[in-house]
Protein backbone atom coordinates (compact mmCIF):
# COMPACT_ATOMS: atom_id res chain seq x y z
CA MET A 1 121.05 321.94 -77.83
CA LYS A 2 122.80 321.03 -74.15
CA THR A 3 125.34 323.16 -72.46
CA THR A 4 127.47 321.54 -70.21
CA ARG A 5 129.21 323.89 -67.52
CA GLN A 6 133.13 322.63 -67.37
CA GLY A 7 134.60 320.83 -64.18
CA GLY A 8 137.20 322.90 -61.60
CA VAL A 9 140.25 323.98 -62.69
CA SER A 10 143.14 323.52 -60.57
CA ALA A 11 144.74 326.88 -58.99
CA TYR A 12 148.05 325.35 -59.65
CA VAL A 13 149.75 323.97 -62.57
CA THR A 14 153.06 323.17 -62.84
CA THR A 15 153.36 321.87 -66.27
CA ALA A 16 152.96 323.83 -69.18
CA PRO A 17 150.71 321.63 -71.41
CA ALA A 18 148.50 321.63 -68.18
CA ILE A 19 148.91 325.53 -68.05
CA ALA A 20 147.83 325.84 -71.73
CA LEU A 21 144.73 323.57 -71.00
CA THR A 22 143.95 326.22 -68.07
CA THR A 23 144.19 329.17 -70.05
CA VAL A 24 141.69 327.29 -72.78
CA VAL A 25 139.33 326.19 -70.37
CA ILE A 26 139.30 329.75 -68.79
CA ILE A 27 138.81 331.66 -72.19
CA LEU A 28 135.94 329.21 -72.99
CA ILE A 29 134.42 329.62 -69.66
CA LEU A 30 134.58 333.54 -69.88
CA SER A 31 133.48 333.50 -73.58
CA PHE A 32 130.55 331.54 -72.45
CA ASN A 33 129.17 333.89 -69.86
CA PHE A 34 129.82 336.82 -71.81
CA PHE A 35 127.73 335.28 -74.39
CA THR A 36 124.55 334.57 -72.45
CA ARG A 37 124.83 337.68 -70.59
CA ASN A 38 125.28 340.22 -73.57
CA ASN A 39 122.40 338.14 -75.55
CA SER A 40 119.32 337.69 -73.42
CA LYS A 41 116.50 338.68 -74.84
CA PRO A 42 112.83 339.53 -73.35
CA GLU A 43 110.44 336.65 -72.99
CA PHE A 44 109.12 335.86 -76.38
CA VAL A 45 110.69 337.90 -78.75
CA ILE A 46 111.87 335.72 -81.38
CA PRO A 47 114.94 337.16 -82.31
CA ILE A 48 115.27 337.67 -86.08
CA VAL A 49 117.63 334.86 -87.73
CA GLN A 50 118.36 333.51 -84.93
CA LEU A 51 116.01 330.97 -84.80
CA GLN A 52 116.74 327.82 -86.80
CA SER A 53 113.88 325.61 -87.07
CA LYS A 54 114.55 322.27 -88.83
CA LEU A 55 112.14 320.08 -90.63
CA ASN A 56 112.47 316.61 -91.77
CA LEU A 57 110.57 316.65 -94.98
CA SER A 58 111.60 312.85 -95.44
CA ARG A 59 109.07 311.79 -92.62
CA GLN A 60 105.88 310.87 -93.42
CA PRO A 61 103.08 312.80 -92.19
CA SER A 62 101.47 311.81 -88.99
CA ASP A 63 98.80 313.10 -86.20
CA ASP A 64 100.97 313.15 -83.47
CA TYR A 65 103.77 315.21 -85.74
CA LYS A 66 105.02 317.84 -83.14
CA PHE A 67 106.64 321.36 -84.51
CA ARG A 68 110.07 321.68 -82.47
CA ALA A 69 112.47 325.33 -82.26
CA VAL A 70 115.92 324.89 -82.05
CA ILE A 71 117.64 328.23 -80.98
CA THR A 72 120.93 327.73 -82.40
CA PRO A 73 123.88 330.14 -80.15
CA ASP A 74 126.07 330.88 -83.06
CA LEU A 75 124.69 334.54 -83.68
CA HIS A 76 128.01 336.06 -84.62
CA ARG A 77 129.04 333.31 -87.58
CA ILE A 78 127.50 333.98 -90.93
CA SER A 79 126.78 331.33 -92.74
CA SER A 80 128.51 330.63 -96.20
CA LEU A 81 126.21 330.60 -99.23
CA PRO A 82 125.41 328.67 -100.88
CA LEU A 83 123.35 326.58 -98.45
CA GLN A 84 124.07 323.20 -97.53
CA LEU A 85 121.04 320.92 -98.19
CA ASN A 86 119.55 317.84 -98.33
CA ARG A 87 120.71 315.77 -101.06
CA ASN A 88 117.56 313.99 -101.06
CA ARG A 89 116.94 313.36 -104.62
CA THR A 90 112.71 313.98 -104.07
CA PHE A 91 113.64 317.93 -102.69
CA ILE A 92 112.57 320.02 -105.08
CA THR A 93 114.71 322.53 -107.58
CA GLY A 94 112.44 325.26 -106.94
CA ARG A 95 112.34 325.03 -103.02
CA ARG A 96 115.92 324.32 -102.97
CA ARG A 97 116.20 327.66 -105.26
CA LEU A 98 113.77 329.66 -102.51
CA GLU A 99 115.77 327.66 -99.73
CA LEU A 100 118.87 329.76 -101.48
CA GLU A 101 117.35 333.21 -101.18
CA LEU A 102 116.44 332.42 -97.71
CA ALA A 103 119.65 331.84 -96.86
CA ARG A 104 121.04 335.14 -98.33
CA ALA A 105 118.49 336.96 -96.55
CA ARG A 106 119.57 335.43 -93.30
CA ALA A 107 122.75 336.86 -94.13
CA THR A 108 122.24 340.50 -94.91
CA ILE A 109 119.79 340.70 -92.19
CA ARG A 110 122.84 339.13 -89.29
CA GLU A 111 125.49 341.94 -90.94
CA ALA A 112 122.63 344.79 -90.55
CA ALA A 113 122.25 343.81 -86.73
CA SER A 114 125.51 345.12 -86.03
CA VAL A 115 125.46 348.33 -87.83
CA ARG A 116 124.93 350.75 -84.89
CA ASN A 117 124.46 353.95 -87.19
CA LEU A 118 120.77 353.34 -88.75
CA SER A 119 121.04 355.95 -91.66
CA GLN A 120 123.61 353.83 -93.36
CA LEU A 121 121.14 351.37 -93.89
CA LEU A 122 117.85 353.90 -94.47
CA GLN A 123 116.85 353.74 -97.97
CA SER A 124 115.53 357.26 -99.72
CA GLY A 125 112.47 358.32 -97.74
CA ASP A 126 112.24 355.80 -94.97
CA VAL A 127 112.21 357.03 -91.44
CA LEU A 128 112.33 354.36 -88.70
CA SER A 129 112.77 355.71 -84.62
CA SER A 130 115.42 353.39 -83.32
CA ASP A 131 113.80 353.99 -79.51
CA ILE A 132 111.02 351.48 -80.32
CA TYR A 133 112.77 348.41 -81.74
CA HIS A 134 114.80 345.61 -79.95
CA ASN A 135 117.54 346.14 -82.89
CA PRO A 136 116.48 348.63 -85.70
CA GLY A 137 118.98 347.95 -87.92
CA GLU A 138 118.02 344.30 -87.82
CA PHE A 139 114.25 345.02 -88.61
CA TYR A 140 114.27 347.47 -90.97
CA LYS A 141 116.51 344.96 -93.61
CA SER A 142 114.27 342.42 -92.79
CA TYR A 143 111.57 343.98 -93.85
CA ILE A 144 113.45 345.23 -97.18
CA GLU A 145 114.24 341.75 -97.67
CA MET A 146 110.47 340.87 -96.99
CA GLU A 147 109.40 343.64 -99.94
CA LYS A 148 112.07 341.78 -102.26
CA ILE A 149 111.46 338.35 -102.25
CA PHE A 150 108.23 337.29 -100.24
CA LYS A 151 105.59 335.46 -102.21
CA ILE A 152 102.64 334.49 -101.01
CA TYR A 153 100.70 331.45 -102.72
CA ILE A 154 96.60 331.51 -101.70
CA TYR A 155 94.66 328.40 -101.71
CA GLU A 156 91.59 329.10 -103.96
CA GLU A 157 89.48 326.18 -102.84
CA GLY A 158 86.45 327.01 -100.78
CA GLU A 159 83.46 329.20 -101.36
CA LEU A 160 82.11 332.15 -100.16
CA PRO A 161 80.45 333.59 -97.64
CA ILE A 162 83.13 331.61 -95.32
CA VAL A 163 86.78 331.52 -97.50
CA HIS A 164 87.59 334.39 -99.29
CA ASP A 165 85.54 336.62 -97.34
CA GLY A 166 85.66 337.78 -93.59
CA PRO A 167 84.41 340.65 -91.64
CA CYS A 168 85.44 344.14 -92.04
CA LYS A 169 83.55 346.32 -89.67
CA ASP A 170 83.52 345.48 -85.43
CA ILE A 171 85.82 344.14 -83.60
CA TYR A 172 87.17 341.52 -85.90
CA THR A 173 87.75 343.90 -88.64
CA VAL A 174 91.18 342.98 -89.11
CA GLU A 175 90.05 339.37 -90.38
CA GLY A 176 88.67 340.27 -93.01
CA ARG A 177 90.37 342.99 -94.02
CA PHE A 178 93.66 341.22 -94.50
CA ILE A 179 92.03 338.46 -96.52
CA GLN A 180 90.46 341.55 -98.58
CA GLU A 181 93.99 342.91 -98.92
CA MET A 182 95.63 339.74 -99.92
CA GLU A 183 93.10 338.43 -102.59
CA GLN A 184 92.29 341.92 -103.78
CA GLY A 185 94.38 344.76 -102.92
CA ARG A 186 97.34 346.07 -104.71
CA ARG A 187 99.69 345.70 -101.87
CA GLY A 188 98.23 342.23 -101.64
CA HIS A 189 98.81 341.54 -105.02
CA TYR A 190 102.81 342.76 -104.90
CA PHE A 191 103.46 339.78 -102.49
CA ARG A 192 100.89 336.99 -103.81
CA THR A 193 102.26 334.75 -106.54
CA LYS A 194 100.25 332.40 -109.00
CA ASP A 195 102.84 330.35 -108.98
CA ALA A 196 102.66 328.00 -105.82
CA ASP A 197 106.35 326.63 -106.37
CA ARG A 198 107.81 329.82 -106.38
CA ALA A 199 105.78 330.25 -102.62
CA HIS A 200 107.46 330.88 -99.70
CA VAL A 201 104.36 330.52 -97.65
CA TYR A 202 100.51 329.02 -98.51
CA PHE A 203 97.76 331.02 -97.07
CA MET A 204 94.35 329.23 -95.99
CA PRO A 205 91.54 332.51 -96.67
CA PHE A 206 89.04 331.28 -94.38
CA SER A 207 87.11 332.99 -91.95
CA VAL A 208 86.51 332.02 -88.70
CA THR A 209 84.46 334.53 -87.53
CA TRP A 210 82.11 333.41 -90.54
CA MET A 211 82.00 329.80 -89.49
CA VAL A 212 80.68 331.07 -86.04
CA LYS A 213 78.09 333.38 -87.76
CA TYR A 214 76.93 330.34 -90.31
CA LEU A 215 77.63 326.95 -88.55
CA TYR A 216 77.58 327.42 -84.54
CA LYS A 217 74.53 327.02 -82.78
CA PRO A 218 73.69 329.70 -80.18
CA ASP A 219 74.06 329.17 -77.16
CA THR A 220 75.75 325.80 -77.62
CA TYR A 221 79.64 326.30 -76.82
CA ASP A 222 80.20 323.54 -79.34
CA VAL A 223 82.80 324.32 -81.78
CA THR A 224 82.89 320.99 -83.53
CA PRO A 225 81.24 322.33 -86.74
CA LEU A 226 84.06 324.75 -87.09
CA ARG A 227 86.64 322.16 -86.55
CA HIS A 228 85.06 319.65 -88.83
CA PHE A 229 84.92 322.77 -91.71
CA VAL A 230 88.61 323.19 -90.95
CA SER A 231 89.53 319.55 -91.26
CA ASP A 232 87.03 318.96 -94.42
CA TYR A 233 89.29 322.13 -95.89
CA VAL A 234 92.52 320.82 -94.89
CA ARG A 235 91.38 317.40 -96.65
CA VAL A 236 90.36 319.14 -99.93
CA ILE A 237 93.73 321.07 -100.17
CA SER A 238 96.32 318.36 -99.21
CA THR A 239 94.64 315.89 -101.65
CA LYS A 240 94.64 318.50 -104.54
CA HIS A 241 98.25 319.92 -103.88
CA PRO A 242 101.80 318.38 -102.54
CA PHE A 243 102.81 321.65 -100.34
CA TRP A 244 100.84 320.33 -97.06
CA ASN A 245 102.44 317.04 -96.84
CA LYS A 246 105.96 318.00 -98.21
CA THR A 247 106.76 320.53 -95.01
CA HIS A 248 103.59 319.13 -92.83
CA ALA A 249 101.92 322.39 -93.01
CA ALA A 250 104.98 324.48 -91.30
CA ASP A 251 105.03 326.66 -94.40
CA HIS A 252 101.40 327.15 -94.18
CA PHE A 253 99.31 329.58 -92.37
CA MET A 254 95.80 331.03 -90.96
CA LEU A 255 94.18 334.05 -89.50
CA SER A 256 91.53 334.54 -87.06
CA CYS A 257 90.37 337.19 -84.88
CA HIS A 258 87.77 335.19 -83.60
CA ASP A 259 88.33 334.06 -79.93
CA TRP A 260 87.76 330.97 -81.43
CA GLY A 261 90.29 330.98 -83.75
CA PRO A 262 92.35 328.70 -81.74
CA HIS A 263 89.69 326.31 -81.05
CA ALA A 264 88.91 326.27 -84.95
CA SER A 265 92.57 325.34 -85.74
CA LYS A 266 92.66 321.90 -84.05
CA GLY A 267 90.11 320.73 -86.44
CA HIS A 268 93.91 319.51 -87.92
CA PRO A 269 96.98 318.39 -85.40
CA ASN A 270 99.06 319.57 -88.34
CA LEU A 271 97.33 323.01 -88.31
CA TYR A 272 97.34 323.35 -84.91
CA ASN A 273 100.78 322.14 -83.86
CA THR A 274 102.93 322.92 -86.82
CA SER A 275 101.22 325.61 -89.08
CA ILE A 276 102.17 329.65 -88.46
CA ARG A 277 98.50 330.60 -86.68
CA VAL A 278 97.62 334.04 -86.80
CA LEU A 279 95.45 334.90 -84.09
CA CYS A 280 94.46 337.50 -81.81
CA ASN A 281 93.76 335.47 -78.83
CA ALA A 282 97.53 334.87 -78.56
CA ASN A 283 97.18 333.53 -75.04
CA SER A 284 100.62 331.12 -74.39
CA SER A 285 98.74 328.80 -71.59
CA GLU A 286 96.08 328.20 -74.27
CA GLY A 287 98.61 326.46 -76.42
CA PHE A 288 99.65 329.80 -78.57
CA ASN A 289 103.62 329.34 -79.68
CA PRO A 290 105.25 332.23 -80.07
CA GLN A 291 107.88 330.40 -82.22
CA LYS A 292 105.72 329.48 -84.74
CA ASP A 293 102.85 331.62 -84.14
CA VAL A 294 101.74 335.30 -84.74
CA SER A 295 99.97 337.96 -82.34
CA LEU A 296 97.65 339.95 -84.24
CA PRO A 297 96.58 342.93 -83.17
CA GLU A 298 92.66 343.38 -82.13
CA ILE A 299 91.10 346.64 -84.02
CA ASN A 300 87.53 347.60 -83.26
CA LEU A 301 86.19 349.16 -86.10
CA ARG A 302 82.79 349.86 -85.38
CA THR A 303 82.28 351.47 -89.09
CA GLY A 304 85.31 349.93 -90.96
CA ASN A 305 87.10 353.16 -90.68
CA ILE A 306 89.51 354.49 -87.76
CA PRO A 307 87.04 357.07 -86.14
CA PRO A 308 87.60 360.66 -87.29
CA ASN A 309 88.59 362.03 -83.67
CA LEU A 310 91.58 359.31 -83.30
CA LEU A 311 93.21 360.24 -86.56
CA SER A 312 94.17 363.74 -84.99
CA PRO A 313 95.13 362.96 -81.48
CA PRO A 314 95.57 366.42 -79.32
CA SER A 315 99.04 367.99 -79.71
CA SER A 316 101.49 366.73 -77.25
CA THR A 317 101.42 370.27 -75.04
CA THR A 318 97.46 369.33 -74.69
CA PRO A 319 97.30 368.51 -70.71
CA ARG A 320 96.41 365.60 -69.60
CA ILE A 321 93.85 365.95 -66.37
CA HIS A 322 93.15 362.56 -65.59
CA LEU A 323 96.01 359.60 -64.15
CA ALA A 324 94.54 356.70 -65.70
CA PHE A 325 91.08 355.51 -67.74
CA PHE A 326 89.10 352.45 -68.16
CA ALA A 327 85.67 351.92 -69.00
CA GLY A 328 84.19 348.27 -70.73
CA GLY A 329 82.60 345.34 -69.74
CA VAL A 330 83.18 343.49 -66.36
CA HIS A 331 83.92 340.03 -68.11
CA GLY A 332 86.52 337.68 -67.33
CA PRO A 333 89.16 337.53 -63.92
CA ILE A 334 90.72 340.60 -64.03
CA ARG A 335 88.51 343.27 -64.50
CA PRO A 336 86.28 342.71 -61.53
CA LEU A 337 89.33 342.92 -59.48
CA LEU A 338 90.36 346.60 -61.26
CA LEU A 339 86.55 347.80 -60.40
CA HIS A 340 86.83 346.53 -56.86
CA HIS A 341 89.81 348.43 -56.12
CA TRP A 342 89.17 351.70 -58.23
CA ARG A 343 85.80 352.26 -59.52
CA GLY A 344 84.23 355.55 -57.82
CA ARG A 345 87.59 355.28 -55.24
CA ASP A 346 89.86 357.75 -56.60
CA PRO A 347 89.12 360.89 -58.80
CA ASP A 348 93.18 360.48 -60.18
CA LEU A 349 91.86 357.19 -61.63
CA GLN A 350 88.75 357.43 -64.08
CA VAL A 351 87.36 353.56 -63.69
CA TYR A 352 83.76 352.66 -65.25
CA GLU A 353 82.09 349.59 -65.42
CA TYR A 354 80.16 351.55 -68.52
CA LEU A 355 80.61 355.15 -69.55
CA PRO A 356 77.60 357.28 -68.87
CA LYS A 357 75.85 358.20 -72.20
CA ASN A 358 76.49 362.03 -71.71
CA LEU A 359 80.20 361.05 -71.55
CA ASP A 360 82.44 360.49 -74.66
CA TYR A 361 84.78 357.74 -74.30
CA TYR A 362 87.67 359.13 -76.24
CA SER A 363 87.23 362.16 -74.75
CA PHE A 364 88.36 360.25 -72.06
CA MET A 365 91.44 358.80 -73.40
CA PHE A 366 92.35 361.97 -74.94
CA ALA A 367 92.48 363.76 -71.27
CA SER A 368 94.67 361.00 -69.98
CA LYS A 369 98.10 360.08 -69.38
CA TYR A 370 97.44 356.33 -69.20
CA CYS A 371 94.63 354.03 -70.64
CA LEU A 372 93.98 350.97 -68.47
CA CYS A 373 94.12 347.58 -70.64
CA PRO A 374 92.92 344.90 -68.59
CA SER A 375 91.92 341.49 -70.40
CA GLY A 376 88.54 340.00 -70.27
CA TYR A 377 87.45 336.41 -70.95
CA GLU A 378 90.52 336.22 -74.13
CA VAL A 379 93.73 338.16 -73.42
CA ALA A 380 93.88 340.38 -76.09
CA SER A 381 91.86 344.06 -75.74
CA PRO A 382 91.14 346.63 -78.78
CA ARG A 383 91.91 349.31 -76.37
CA ILE A 384 95.47 348.48 -76.69
CA VAL A 385 95.55 349.76 -80.56
CA GLU A 386 92.89 352.73 -79.33
CA SER A 387 95.76 353.57 -76.71
CA ILE A 388 98.22 353.96 -79.29
CA TYR A 389 96.10 356.25 -81.39
CA SER A 390 95.06 358.59 -78.85
CA GLU A 391 98.41 358.75 -77.53
CA CYS A 392 97.24 357.32 -74.08
CA VAL A 393 100.11 355.25 -72.81
CA PRO A 394 98.43 351.84 -72.37
CA VAL A 395 99.07 350.04 -68.93
CA ILE A 396 98.69 346.26 -69.74
CA ILE A 397 96.86 343.92 -67.09
CA SER A 398 97.13 340.74 -68.19
CA GLU A 399 98.46 337.09 -67.92
CA ASN A 400 100.04 334.85 -70.77
CA TYR A 401 99.41 337.56 -73.30
CA VAL A 402 101.77 337.52 -76.02
CA LEU A 403 102.05 341.25 -77.45
CA PRO A 404 101.48 342.03 -81.06
CA PHE A 405 104.50 342.13 -83.15
CA SER A 406 106.78 341.64 -80.01
CA ASP A 407 109.25 339.83 -81.89
CA VAL A 408 110.51 343.35 -83.16
CA LEU A 409 108.74 346.08 -81.25
CA LYS A 410 109.84 346.81 -77.89
CA TRP A 411 106.46 347.47 -75.85
CA GLU A 412 108.56 348.68 -72.55
CA ALA A 413 109.34 351.90 -75.22
CA PHE A 414 105.60 352.86 -74.81
CA SER A 415 103.65 351.00 -72.75
CA ILE A 416 103.71 349.80 -68.72
CA ARG A 417 103.14 346.26 -67.88
CA VAL A 418 101.23 345.60 -64.46
CA LYS A 419 100.77 342.65 -62.87
CA VAL A 420 97.19 341.39 -61.73
CA SER A 421 98.36 341.11 -57.97
CA GLU A 422 99.69 344.59 -58.55
CA ILE A 423 96.06 346.20 -59.25
CA GLY A 424 95.69 347.51 -55.62
CA ARG A 425 98.77 349.88 -56.70
CA LEU A 426 98.03 350.90 -59.76
CA LYS A 427 98.14 354.79 -58.41
CA GLU A 428 101.27 354.23 -56.89
CA ILE A 429 102.96 352.54 -59.69
CA LEU A 430 102.12 355.20 -62.45
CA THR A 431 102.75 358.15 -60.18
CA SER A 432 106.01 356.93 -59.68
CA VAL A 433 106.62 357.07 -63.65
CA PRO A 434 109.18 360.07 -63.57
CA GLU A 435 107.66 362.65 -65.82
CA GLU A 436 110.62 362.22 -68.23
CA LYS A 437 109.93 358.53 -68.76
CA TYR A 438 106.42 358.91 -69.63
CA LEU A 439 106.81 361.78 -72.14
CA ARG A 440 109.59 359.37 -73.98
CA LEU A 441 106.52 356.78 -73.73
CA LYS A 442 104.17 359.33 -75.02
CA SER A 443 106.63 360.28 -77.87
CA ASN A 444 107.17 356.62 -78.71
CA LEU A 445 103.57 356.16 -79.08
CA ARG A 446 103.44 358.80 -81.90
CA ALA A 447 106.46 356.66 -83.83
CA VAL A 448 104.81 353.07 -83.25
CA ARG A 449 101.28 354.37 -84.37
CA ARG A 450 101.72 353.85 -88.02
CA HIS A 451 102.74 349.83 -87.47
CA PHE A 452 98.82 349.46 -85.97
CA VAL A 453 97.15 351.72 -88.44
CA LEU A 454 94.85 349.66 -90.53
CA ASN A 455 94.91 351.65 -93.87
CA GLN A 456 92.95 350.93 -97.54
CA PRO A 457 94.45 350.60 -99.39
CA ALA A 458 97.50 349.57 -97.56
CA GLU A 459 100.74 351.34 -96.85
CA ARG A 460 103.99 350.46 -96.01
CA PHE A 461 105.06 349.65 -92.57
CA ASP A 462 101.20 349.85 -91.55
CA VAL A 463 99.42 347.11 -89.88
CA PHE A 464 99.01 344.60 -92.91
CA HIS A 465 102.79 344.39 -93.61
CA MET A 466 103.80 344.28 -89.81
CA ILE A 467 101.31 340.93 -89.96
CA LEU A 468 103.46 339.59 -93.29
CA HIS A 469 106.36 340.69 -91.54
CA SER A 470 105.82 338.37 -88.62
CA VAL A 471 105.02 335.58 -90.62
CA TRP A 472 107.93 336.07 -93.28
CA LEU A 473 110.19 335.83 -89.95
CA ARG A 474 108.78 332.37 -88.94
CA ARG A 475 109.36 331.25 -92.46
CA LEU A 476 112.61 333.33 -92.46
CA ASN A 477 113.43 331.08 -89.52
CA LEU A 478 112.30 327.82 -90.60
CA LYS A 479 114.74 325.70 -92.45
CA LEU A 480 113.43 323.05 -94.95
CA GLU A 481 115.75 320.18 -94.92
């Protein structure tokens, strides 16, 4: 939508009609300025039910189709129900019912966004810390609406090991565990529907990690086999089922924690440009579009379970003797800068390339106020989640990284962001944080922790449900016409 500034208003008008017109213009200008000033949002945050993306279903699918999001400024007007739908006779009755469901959910969430007393919304037993959300009432009501109506259809095509399975250990744990929970878990069953016409979104349960394991030729850096697999997979489901072609795949989603997930998604232009891609490698400079894609937290569970010592971090009164800590491989453009400035330079900043074998990694996290989380080759780092678990305030040093769940979570409430250009000033920046603010950041880490825990079985508000909620938001903000 284009906005135009009104022309200059005469300072002295003698006629009554002119005075009235001048008054209206001034009110409009003041209203516009008030609106823009009071509705600014942090970068990459998708305001709930404010992104109204319209997709013309009458258009024929084509390889050059591009998804376009249009943010509407009309935040205060709740659309009257029933939703005005395209009267195209080809529009499925079931689809119309789904759009009405979503319209009602949008209206309910908009109303909740203006509720200042969160206790008025909370249902029995639910507890939320209002400090960690952009709008706690909006998030909570959206989550409850998701639990009430959100339905996901999982394509049954494809065979093991690449489809319907994924890694459940090590750095790509979240990829396999999500597929496992959706297909076999109790909470996954709660959201899953076998009736494809009742689904709000469609899940493609292939594993990019297993593609790399079984299809990739080592040391070639050739991702062509991955793209060919995705292309063949899409051809099968789009030929056998009508849903991909009806929406140009805008209500379809894939999930991958492997670095090459974005490359694999290029196997089909609609998957890359239109579908919801849930990716750990959420780099906005490499095609990640936060208006339709979802940033997936990278969780490194070496044995498949959270390490026992991370289950019970030290009490809030336990002193943390180090200002900051980092240990890790030197790869990518940022970590060499960090080591150049701080390795062995200052005892307050415990910076290592690789931690000596006689020292314990998690013990250093527990003993540090801040944990440095620089990007490596790719933007995501499992250190961010490990920092949250250990209640060591994450210091995120990255460029173009869209942080997980930043559509609802207020990351500045429990982390610090440092620009790459400021690495040389790390100690100055961290020591300048007032103690009161540090304690607040640490307290908020404890509140946000449950959103990053990979439970088995999944539990309400945990990382599995936060992933689903991010997908739900993209679908909620998509109006199919």
